[in-house]
Amino acid sequence: MNQMDGVVDHNLAPPIRFAFVASRRVGHAVARNRAKRLLRAAIQAHLGRLEPGWDCVLIARKGTPVASYKEVESAVQCLLRRADILSNDAVVDGSSSI
């Protein structure tokens, strides 16, 4: 952070890193891979709004492979807000609230 103007330079900030984990309890290899793909896609939707410098681990549960993308994205968004690393200044889906 530049002390003169209080602006954070995101080029100098440490990156945010994610790990995606799915154990055998989630299901067979196809189910585990689908669960991790859903989690990755949900994170991709919020990358521009995340605070830098965090290391996060997202663990898939049994219901993740059969959940819809919207359900997973909503759950990930809720977790990111609870962790206080998601800023509220941008709209995710591009729709306006007119």
Protein backbone atom coordinates (compact mmCIF):
# COMPACT_ATOMS: atom_id res chain seq x y z
CA MET A 1 0.00 0.00 0.00
CA ASN A 2 1.26 3.42 -0.87
CA GLN A 3 1.14 5.41 2.36
CA MET A 4 0.70 8.70 0.54
CA ASP A 5 -2.64 8.03 -1.12
CA GLY A 6 -3.96 4.88 0.61
CA VAL A 7 -4.27 2.96 -2.68
CA VAL A 8 -3.41 -0.73 -2.81
CA ASP A 9 -1.31 -1.67 -5.83
CA HIS A 10 -2.55 -5.18 -6.68
CA ASN A 11 0.56 -5.78 -8.81
CA LEU A 12 2.68 -5.68 -5.64
CA ALA A 13 0.21 -7.55 -3.42
CA PRO A 14 0.75 -11.26 -2.85
CA PRO A 15 -1.50 -13.42 -5.05
CA ILE A 16 -4.56 -15.28 -3.83
CA ARG A 17 -4.10 -19.04 -4.18
CA PHE A 18 -6.66 -21.84 -4.17
CA ALA A 19 -6.43 -25.59 -3.71
CA PHE A 20 -9.34 -27.89 -4.60
CA VAL A 21 -9.65 -31.22 -2.81
CA ALA A 22 -12.05 -34.12 -3.35
CA SER A 23 -11.51 -37.32 -1.41
CA ARG A 24 -12.70 -40.79 -2.43
CA ARG A 25 -15.75 -40.28 -0.25
CA VAL A 26 -17.03 -37.81 -2.85
CA GLY A 27 -17.27 -40.62 -5.40
CA HIS A 28 -15.36 -42.22 -8.24
CA ALA A 29 -12.75 -40.30 -10.25
CA VAL A 30 -15.28 -38.76 -12.64
CA ALA A 31 -17.37 -37.43 -9.74
CA ARG A 32 -14.29 -36.08 -7.93
CA ASN A 33 -13.10 -34.31 -11.08
CA ARG A 34 -16.55 -32.84 -11.71
CA ALA A 35 -16.69 -31.55 -8.13
CA LYS A 36 -13.31 -29.85 -8.49
CA ARG A 37 -14.29 -28.37 -11.88
CA LEU A 38 -17.46 -26.92 -10.37
CA LEU A 39 -15.49 -25.38 -7.51
CA ARG A 40 -12.90 -23.92 -9.90
CA ALA A 41 -15.61 -22.41 -12.11
CA ALA A 42 -17.33 -20.87 -9.08
CA ILE A 43 -14.05 -19.28 -7.96
CA GLN A 44 -13.34 -18.01 -11.50
CA ALA A 45 -16.60 -16.06 -11.37
CA HIS A 46 -15.34 -14.09 -8.35
CA LEU A 47 -11.61 -13.69 -9.02
CA GLY A 48 -11.82 -9.97 -9.80
CA ARG A 49 -13.54 -9.28 -6.47
CA LEU A 50 -11.25 -11.19 -4.11
CA GLU A 51 -8.83 -9.58 -1.69
CA PRO A 52 -5.20 -10.49 -2.49
CA GLY A 53 -2.86 -12.44 -0.25
CA TRP A 54 -5.04 -15.36 0.81
CA ASP A 55 -4.39 -19.10 0.57
CA CYS A 56 -7.68 -21.01 0.42
CA VAL A 57 -8.54 -24.71 0.36
CA LEU A 58 -11.96 -25.73 -0.92
CA ILE A 59 -12.98 -29.27 -0.01
CA ALA A 60 -15.69 -30.97 -2.06
CA ARG A 61 -18.39 -32.86 -0.19
CA LYS A 62 -20.55 -35.82 -1.29
CA GLY A 63 -23.27 -33.61 -2.77
CA THR A 64 -20.96 -31.42 -4.82
CA PRO A 65 -20.78 -33.55 -8.02
CA VAL A 66 -24.58 -33.76 -8.30
CA ALA A 67 -25.21 -30.10 -7.47
CA SER A 68 -25.91 -27.52 -10.17
CA TYR A 69 -23.39 -24.82 -10.97
CA LYS A 70 -25.69 -22.18 -9.45
CA GLU A 71 -25.87 -24.09 -6.16
CA VAL A 72 -22.08 -24.48 -5.98
CA GLU A 73 -21.48 -20.86 -6.99
CA SER A 74 -23.92 -19.64 -4.35
CA ALA A 75 -22.26 -21.76 -1.66
CA VAL A 76 -18.78 -20.56 -2.67
CA GLN A 77 -19.94 -16.95 -2.66
CA CYS A 78 -21.39 -17.41 0.84
CA LEU A 79 -18.12 -18.93 2.07
CA LEU A 80 -16.04 -16.13 0.56
CA ARG A 81 -18.24 -13.53 2.24
CA ARG A 82 -18.05 -15.35 5.58
CA ALA A 83 -14.25 -15.35 5.27
CA ASP A 84 -14.45 -11.61 4.48
CA ILE A 85 -12.32 -11.87 1.34
CA LEU A 86 -15.05 -11.00 -1.16
CA SER A 87 -15.65 -7.33 -1.85
CA ASN A 88 -19.21 -6.18 -2.50
CA ASP A 89 -18.44 -3.44 -5.03
CA ALA A 90 -19.07 -5.40 -8.27
CA VAL A 91 -22.02 -7.33 -9.68
CA VAL A 92 -21.24 -10.98 -10.44
CA ASP A 93 -23.65 -11.79 -13.24
CA GLY A 94 -23.71 -8.38 -14.88
CA SER A 95 -27.42 -7.81 -14.26
CA SER A 96 -28.58 -4.55 -12.81
CA SER A 97 -31.07 -4.06 -10.00
CA ILE A 98 -33.26 -1.46 -11.73
